[in-house]
Amino acid sequence: MRINTSEIKCLDVCAQLHHYLWIDCIKPVAPDSEALTLGKATHSAIEARLLNKGIPTLATFLPTPFECSPAKLEALELTLVEFDRRPHPWTEVIAVEQIVDRTLGTGDTIFGKIDLLARWQGRLWLVEHKTLGGYRSPTQLANYVRTSLQAGIYTWLAEKLEPIAGLMLNIVRKVSLKAAKESPSSALHVEFLTIGPDLVDHALLDVQDAISRRRSAERPYRNRESCRNTFGNGMCGFYGVCWGRETLDSPAFTPYDPLAHYTEEAE
């Protein structure tokens, strides 16, 4: 079996949700939340810079129409200007948005698109871009890494190339317009985190569980604990379908290609 990191994470959240998105290839028409949309746009703007595609504005990556406070957008634009101005913490970019695959002993192949691989102090680091709504303490960030399925899988994938020194969180904080004007550097932060071997071991166990569920012919189970905030805009978009209030052929859903993210060229 060939399976990607996004599908594995979806299986980990809710097998029924996975069936809608990855087997039926249907997604809700409802737009992402404001926070998720801004996070995706910020990520794309940073990616374009690292790929030497110029310095596009945030608006380049926002859907039309998109309603948001002008002050929020201006603050993020100022943050991107600061990102362009200040030196990056890494000394060499190795790969940007690169698809890496690796095969398990079972013969199953895992693949994923890594944000950034960069060298710092002579060692290779996994870099993950994060847009956060507020301050996170070093302890909170460290706890994120200890429990992150994505960090564990990506570390294992990247170590196909060479040992990984750790995870570098490239953080963009959504600060007020006043803060962005007075102290633009306050919106940017880089946290260097070590990755213990247990994280990778636990992630691979989760991967094996996900593959087993993917192969199972049983009816997908519904994880009701995941009904909230799955799409970043409150209740899961498939909530009504799961509980018999609507059907997948309603105008609320549309066909899509779940692998489109992996087939787009990073050029």
Foldseek 3Di string as FASTA:
>chain_A
DEEEPVLLVVLVLFQVSSCVCPVVQKAFPDDFDPVVQLFVLLLVQVLCVVLVVDRDASVVRHDPPDDDPPQLSLLSRLLSVVVVVDDDQFDFWDDAQDKFWDADPVRYIYIYGFHTWTHHPRFIAGEDEEEEADDDDPVRVQVCLQPPLVNLVVQVRVCVPPHHQFYKYFYAYRDGSVCCVVPSCVRTDIDTYHHDPVSNVVSVVSSVVSVVSVPDPDDIGGDVVSQACVRPPGGGLCVCVVVVNDHSPDPRMDRDDPCPSVPDDSD
